[in-house]
Protein backbone atom coordinates (compact mmCIF):
# COMPACT_ATOMS: atom_id res chain seq x y z
CA MET A 1 26.01 -4.59 -10.92
CA PRO A 2 24.75 -1.24 -13.61
CA ARG A 3 21.66 -0.16 -12.92
CA ARG A 4 18.77 -1.01 -15.38
CA LEU A 5 18.06 2.35 -17.58
CA ILE A 6 14.97 3.90 -16.73
CA ARG A 7 12.41 4.93 -19.29
CA PRO A 8 10.78 8.40 -18.58
CA ARG A 9 7.70 9.68 -19.36
CA ARG A 10 6.51 13.08 -18.80
CA TRP A 11 3.80 14.11 -15.97
CA THR A 12 2.99 17.21 -14.98
CA PRO A 13 2.11 16.82 -11.23
CA PRO A 14 -0.44 19.36 -9.28
CA VAL A 15 1.24 22.14 -7.02
CA LEU A 16 1.47 20.63 -3.82
CA ALA A 17 -1.36 22.36 -1.62
CA ASP A 18 -1.95 23.05 1.86
CA ARG A 19 -5.00 21.10 3.22
CA GLY A 20 -4.39 22.22 6.99
CA PRO A 21 -3.11 21.74 9.96
CA THR A 22 -2.17 17.92 11.16
CA ALA A 23 -2.01 16.50 14.38
CA ARG A 24 1.11 14.64 16.24
CA LEU A 25 0.88 10.86 15.76
CA ARG A 26 2.57 9.25 18.85
CA VAL A 27 3.34 5.69 19.30
CA ARG A 28 1.71 3.90 22.08
CA ARG A 29 3.74 0.63 21.87
CA ARG A 30 5.14 -1.77 19.33
CA LEU A 31 4.12 -5.41 18.63
CA ALA A 32 7.18 -7.60 17.87
CA THR A 33 6.32 -9.26 14.43
CA GLY A 34 9.55 -11.75 15.29
CA GLY A 35 10.47 -11.02 11.48
CA HIS A 36 11.18 -7.54 9.02
CA GLY A 37 8.95 -5.54 7.03
CA PRO A 38 5.47 -5.92 7.85
CA GLU A 39 4.16 -4.49 5.07
CA ASP A 40 0.26 -4.11 5.58
CA VAL A 41 -1.18 -4.53 8.64
CA VAL A 42 -4.95 -5.36 8.36
CA PHE A 43 -7.52 -6.35 11.16
CA ASP A 44 -9.15 -10.13 10.66
CA GLN A 45 -13.33 -11.07 12.22
CA ALA A 46 -11.46 -11.81 16.00
CA GLY A 47 -9.79 -8.37 16.07
CA ARG A 48 -6.60 -9.80 15.73
CA VAL A 49 -3.72 -7.48 13.34
CA VAL A 50 -2.18 -9.66 10.51
CA THR A 51 0.79 -9.24 8.35
CA GLY A 52 3.20 -10.21 6.18
CA THR A 53 7.36 -10.11 7.05
CA ALA A 54 10.35 -9.92 4.58
CA ASP A 55 10.58 -14.00 5.07
CA GLY A 56 7.88 -14.58 3.85
CA ARG A 57 5.77 -15.50 6.67
CA ILE A 58 1.78 -14.50 7.50
CA VAL A 59 1.71 -13.62 11.19
CA SER A 60 -1.17 -13.25 13.26
CA ILE A 61 -0.45 -10.47 16.56
CA ASP A 62 -2.87 -9.86 19.30
CA PRO A 63 -3.20 -6.06 20.00
CA ASP A 64 -3.60 -6.37 23.50
CA SER A 65 -1.10 -8.94 24.48
CA GLY A 66 1.60 -9.37 21.28
CA GLU A 67 0.61 -12.82 21.30
CA ARG A 68 2.04 -13.91 17.56
CA ILE A 69 1.00 -17.25 15.59
CA VAL A 70 2.08 -17.79 12.45
CA LEU A 71 -0.48 -18.58 10.49
CA GLY A 72 2.07 -20.08 7.20
CA GLU A 73 4.93 -19.07 4.69
CA THR A 74 4.33 -17.44 1.01
CA GLY A 75 7.81 -18.39 0.42
CA GLY A 76 8.09 -14.96 -1.08
CA ARG A 77 7.71 -11.57 -0.08
CA PRO A 78 3.86 -10.72 1.34
CA LEU A 79 3.25 -6.90 0.37
CA GLY A 80 -1.63 -6.78 0.83
CA LEU A 81 -3.28 -9.00 2.70
CA HIS A 82 -7.26 -9.85 2.73
CA PRO A 83 -8.55 -12.41 6.28
CA ARG A 84 -11.18 -14.34 5.10
CA ALA A 85 -14.37 -15.62 7.55
CA ASP A 86 -13.00 -19.24 7.44
CA GLY A 87 -9.33 -18.02 8.64
CA SER A 88 -7.45 -18.17 5.61
CA VAL A 89 -5.93 -15.50 3.99
CA LEU A 90 -5.45 -14.07 0.38
CA VAL A 91 -2.01 -12.49 0.20
CA CYS A 92 -0.40 -10.63 -2.70
CA ASP A 93 3.16 -11.64 -3.07
CA HIS A 94 5.71 -10.05 -4.75
CA ASP A 95 7.26 -12.82 -6.12
CA GLN A 96 4.05 -15.17 -6.87
CA GLY A 97 1.30 -13.38 -7.59
CA LEU A 98 -1.95 -13.69 -5.33
CA LEU A 99 -2.17 -16.13 -3.18
CA GLU A 100 -4.27 -18.23 -0.47
CA VAL A 101 -2.61 -19.01 2.28
CA ARG A 102 -5.27 -21.83 3.62
CA PRO A 103 -6.27 -22.30 7.61
CA ASP A 104 -3.58 -26.07 7.29
CA GLY A 105 -0.15 -22.90 6.73
CA THR A 106 -0.17 -24.23 2.67
CA ALA A 107 -0.24 -21.43 -0.19
CA HIS A 108 -2.04 -21.59 -3.01
CA VAL A 109 -1.42 -19.61 -6.71
CA LEU A 110 -4.99 -18.02 -7.49
CA ALA A 111 -3.08 -15.99 -9.91
CA ALA A 112 0.67 -15.65 -11.29
CA GLU A 113 1.45 -11.84 -12.12
CA THR A 114 4.20 -9.67 -11.21
CA PHE A 115 4.60 -7.41 -8.40
CA ALA A 116 0.83 -8.14 -7.10
CA SER A 117 0.48 -5.24 -4.14
CA ASN A 118 -3.11 -5.76 -2.55
CA VAL A 119 -6.41 -7.10 -2.40
CA VAL A 120 -9.74 -7.12 -1.56
CA GLU A 121 -12.58 -9.82 -1.67
CA GLY A 122 -16.52 -8.78 -1.94
CA ARG A 123 -19.44 -11.78 -0.46
CA ASP A 124 -19.69 -13.34 -4.04
CA GLY A 125 -16.01 -14.38 -4.17
CA THR A 126 -15.17 -11.87 -6.32
CA ILE A 127 -11.66 -10.60 -5.71
CA TRP A 128 -9.99 -7.07 -7.10
CA PHE A 129 -6.08 -6.96 -6.37
CA THR A 130 -3.58 -4.54 -8.03
CA THR A 131 -0.07 -4.75 -9.67
CA SER A 132 2.40 -1.72 -9.22
CA THR A 133 4.23 -1.63 -11.87
CA SER A 134 5.37 -4.88 -14.42
CA ARG A 135 9.04 -2.89 -14.99
CA TRP A 136 10.47 -2.95 -11.28
CA THR A 137 10.93 -4.83 -8.56
CA LEU A 138 9.92 -4.11 -4.52
CA ASP A 139 14.35 -3.30 -4.28
CA GLU A 140 13.52 -1.36 -7.25
CA TYR A 141 10.33 0.77 -6.34
CA GLU A 142 12.18 3.82 -6.82
CA GLY A 143 13.19 3.42 -10.22
CA ASP A 144 9.49 3.22 -11.21
CA ILE A 145 8.66 6.85 -9.31
CA LEU A 146 11.07 8.51 -11.19
CA GLU A 147 10.30 6.68 -14.89
CA HIS A 148 6.44 7.57 -14.36
CA THR A 149 5.76 5.28 -17.07
CA SER A 150 2.84 3.94 -15.18
CA THR A 151 2.36 0.53 -15.79
CA GLY A 152 -0.03 -0.48 -12.80
CA ARG A 153 -3.40 -2.72 -12.76
CA LEU A 154 -6.47 -3.40 -11.33
CA ILE A 155 -7.06 -6.53 -12.19
CA ARG A 156 -10.58 -8.37 -11.48
CA ARG A 157 -10.90 -12.39 -10.35
CA ASP A 158 -13.98 -13.85 -10.65
CA PRO A 159 -15.28 -16.88 -8.68
CA ASP A 160 -14.24 -18.96 -11.36
CA GLY A 161 -11.08 -17.86 -11.70
CA THR A 162 -11.36 -15.42 -14.91
CA LEU A 163 -8.77 -12.59 -15.05
CA THR A 164 -10.05 -9.23 -16.37
CA THR A 165 -7.82 -6.19 -16.37
CA LEU A 166 -9.97 -3.28 -15.24
CA LEU A 167 -7.93 -0.79 -15.37
CA ASP A 168 -4.40 -0.01 -16.44
CA ASP A 169 -1.50 2.91 -16.95
CA LEU A 170 -1.83 3.22 -12.90
CA LYS A 171 0.93 5.16 -11.25
CA PHE A 172 2.42 2.58 -9.28
CA ALA A 173 -0.89 0.97 -8.25
CA ASN A 174 -1.21 0.35 -4.45
CA GLY A 175 -3.53 0.44 -1.76
CA LEU A 176 -7.30 -1.33 -2.28
CA VAL A 177 -10.30 -0.61 -0.65
CA LEU A 178 -14.07 -1.83 -1.31
CA ALA A 179 -16.75 -0.01 -0.52
CA PRO A 180 -19.32 -0.95 2.04
CA ASP A 181 -22.06 -1.79 -0.69
CA GLU A 182 -19.49 -3.06 -2.80
CA SER A 183 -20.54 -0.57 -5.19
CA TYR A 184 -16.82 0.87 -6.52
CA VAL A 185 -13.27 -0.35 -5.47
CA LEU A 186 -10.72 2.65 -4.32
CA VAL A 187 -7.36 2.60 -5.89
CA ALA A 188 -4.55 4.30 -3.95
CA GLU A 189 -2.02 5.80 -6.99
CA THR A 190 1.03 6.11 -5.00
CA ALA A 191 3.26 7.98 -7.97
CA GLY A 192 0.31 10.09 -9.14
CA TYR A 193 -0.13 11.28 -5.30
CA ARG A 194 -4.08 10.48 -5.52
CA ILE A 195 -7.10 8.23 -4.93
CA ARG A 196 -9.05 6.74 -7.89
CA ARG A 197 -12.21 5.34 -8.06
CA HIS A 198 -13.59 2.40 -10.16
CA ARG A 199 -17.14 1.67 -10.24
CA ARG A 200 -18.85 -1.54 -10.73
CA ASP A 201 -20.59 -0.29 -14.13
CA GLY A 202 -16.87 0.98 -15.27
CA ARG A 203 -17.05 4.21 -14.61
CA THR A 204 -14.01 5.77 -13.06
CA ASP A 205 -13.28 9.15 -11.25
CA MET A 206 -10.96 10.77 -8.80
CA LEU A 207 -11.98 10.26 -4.73
CA VAL A 208 -8.95 12.08 -3.85
CA GLU A 209 -6.17 14.27 -5.50
CA ASN A 210 -2.45 16.08 -5.15
CA LEU A 211 -1.76 14.17 -2.09
CA PRO A 212 0.90 15.88 0.13
CA GLY A 213 2.85 12.63 0.17
CA PHE A 214 3.16 9.04 -1.60
CA PRO A 215 -0.38 7.14 -0.79
CA ASP A 216 0.87 3.53 0.25
CA ASN A 217 -2.09 1.09 1.84
CA MET A 218 -5.50 1.84 2.64
CA TRP A 219 -8.29 0.50 5.14
CA LEU A 220 -11.72 1.50 5.81
CA GLY A 221 -12.12 1.48 9.56
CA SER A 222 -15.05 0.46 11.45
CA ASP A 223 -14.97 4.34 12.25
CA GLY A 224 -16.11 4.50 8.33
CA LEU A 225 -13.22 6.07 7.60
CA LEU A 226 -10.92 5.50 4.62
CA TRP A 227 -7.43 5.39 6.35
CA VAL A 228 -4.73 5.88 4.07
CA ALA A 229 -0.75 5.09 4.98
CA ILE A 230 1.65 8.12 3.07
CA ALA A 231 4.97 6.14 3.27
CA ALA A 232 6.78 9.72 2.59
CA PRO A 233 6.23 13.27 1.52
CA ARG A 234 6.56 13.95 -2.14
CA ASN A 235 10.09 15.26 -3.09
CA PRO A 236 10.21 18.32 -5.04
CA LEU A 237 13.40 17.61 -7.05
CA VAL A 238 11.27 14.84 -8.29
CA ASP A 239 7.89 17.31 -9.00
CA ARG A 240 10.23 19.45 -10.81
CA LEU A 241 12.05 17.10 -13.03
CA LEU A 242 9.30 15.16 -14.00
CA PRO A 243 7.32 17.44 -16.71
CA LEU A 244 11.22 18.12 -17.70
CA PRO A 245 13.22 16.33 -20.83
CA GLY A 246 13.63 12.53 -19.50
CA PHE A 247 17.27 12.94 -20.01
CA LEU A 248 17.61 14.66 -16.57
CA ARG A 249 15.89 11.95 -14.84
CA LEU A 250 18.49 9.75 -16.20
CA LEU A 251 21.01 12.01 -15.01
CA VAL A 252 19.37 11.44 -11.91
CA TRP A 253 19.22 7.71 -11.63
CA ASN A 254 22.42 7.31 -12.15
CA LEU A 255 24.09 9.52 -9.50
CA PRO A 256 25.53 7.57 -6.55
CA PRO A 257 22.63 6.48 -4.26
CA ALA A 258 24.40 9.08 -1.23
CA VAL A 259 23.12 12.17 -3.09
CA ARG A 260 20.44 10.58 -5.39
CA PRO A 261 16.45 12.08 -3.62
CA LYS A 262 15.40 10.49 -0.75
CA ALA A 263 12.41 9.41 1.07
CA THR A 264 12.01 11.97 4.05
CA PRO A 265 12.03 10.17 7.24
CA ILE A 266 8.39 10.56 8.74
CA ALA A 267 5.63 8.66 10.23
CA TRP A 268 2.64 9.79 8.66
CA VAL A 269 -1.27 8.56 8.28
CA ILE A 270 -4.49 10.15 6.58
CA ALA A 271 -7.95 9.69 7.06
CA PHE A 272 -10.79 10.59 4.62
CA GLY A 273 -14.42 10.10 4.90
CA LEU A 274 -15.51 8.59 1.64
CA ASP A 275 -17.14 11.30 0.07
CA GLY A 276 -13.11 12.83 0.46
CA THR A 277 -13.13 14.97 3.38
CA LEU A 278 -10.13 15.43 5.31
CA VAL A 279 -10.92 14.08 9.32
CA HIS A 280 -7.17 13.44 10.35
CA ASP A 281 -3.43 14.16 8.99
CA LEU A 282 -1.50 12.82 11.60
CA ARG A 283 2.26 12.84 11.39
CA ALA A 284 6.01 12.53 13.33
CA ASP A 285 9.03 13.19 12.05
CA ASP A 286 10.65 12.17 16.14
CA GLY A 287 12.35 8.79 14.50
CA SER A 288 9.71 6.74 17.11
CA TYR A 289 8.45 4.97 13.59
CA GLY A 290 9.29 5.42 9.83
CA PHE A 291 8.28 5.18 6.02
CA VAL A 292 4.47 4.21 7.29
CA THR A 293 3.49 1.51 3.80
CA SER A 294 -0.38 0.62 5.97
CA VAL A 295 -2.66 2.03 8.62
CA ALA A 296 -5.64 0.23 9.69
CA GLU A 297 -8.55 0.95 12.24
CA ARG A 298 -11.01 -1.09 14.38
CA ASP A 299 -12.70 0.47 17.96
CA GLY A 300 -10.74 2.74 18.34
CA THR A 301 -7.39 1.28 17.59
CA VAL A 302 -5.06 2.27 15.19
CA VAL A 303 -2.08 0.54 14.35
CA ILE A 304 0.93 1.33 11.41
CA GLY A 305 3.55 -1.24 9.25
CA SER A 306 6.02 -0.49 7.81
CA LEU A 307 8.05 -1.66 5.22
CA THR A 308 11.43 -0.97 7.33
CA GLU A 309 10.65 -1.75 10.56
CA ASP A 310 10.91 -4.90 12.54
CA ASP A 311 7.69 -4.12 14.69
CA ILE A 312 3.78 -3.07 14.01
CA ALA A 313 2.99 -0.05 16.21
CA VAL A 314 -0.31 1.00 17.94
CA ILE A 315 -0.75 4.69 17.72
CA GLU A 316 -2.19 7.52 19.68
CA TRP A 317 -4.89 10.04 17.97
């Protein structure tokens, strides 16, 4: 099958800057999901870890015992999750959009949007969710990174079901976090190496820019820190190509897979204060875990998930 053509858009990324010392990320233990690709990990109100696997299942796991319960199935590919107090789970499903998986295990579509990525809900029932791209699929996400046409969106769903696009032209919109006072949401722009802050009054600014890697899903921990999964370090070749004429990226895109730029194998999470101050930078390149797409902290326990692993992992930090 021929590869889809990319439509390159020029962008000059910021010069990569040293953010200071890092610490070792160590995997304490693995927790089996019973499937593959736990792309997002979140804690529910009872302290269990909730994740979704490539076969469509939504799974709840006890982080101490490893006991696993299947909460339901979406019939698609679940990505970002938001557990509710009533036992239901909001799910961003790549294939079907924003879903509600109810306590009886049934899945209901709340918004049929392509490549829905992550979701949060306010106390009044307002839901915010992201869509990463309107042109590419999960299997083709590298095409969006290289093309850089920036078709990601932040969408609000009001309690009455009304959908409003708050931001578009986002650079692969991904992880979402709602501020404790609900005055703003934080949005990870994976292909922009940054975290954007969108306030309820419509103003937008940047919390963190010029990240050293690709930010993915995020979580506001019980420690008050913004935990950010870094899927991979920035690729120097891609950074050099993005400001140049687009035909060069067309050439790279059509190279055999073995010689195209690849994500560097690494396990990496970062934590910031809500003022953007770097607090933790944890990395491991020993192959113990890789391609971290999510991280969550609760009462000192930090778990990570991955698009390419079978298990979630509890880490030491």
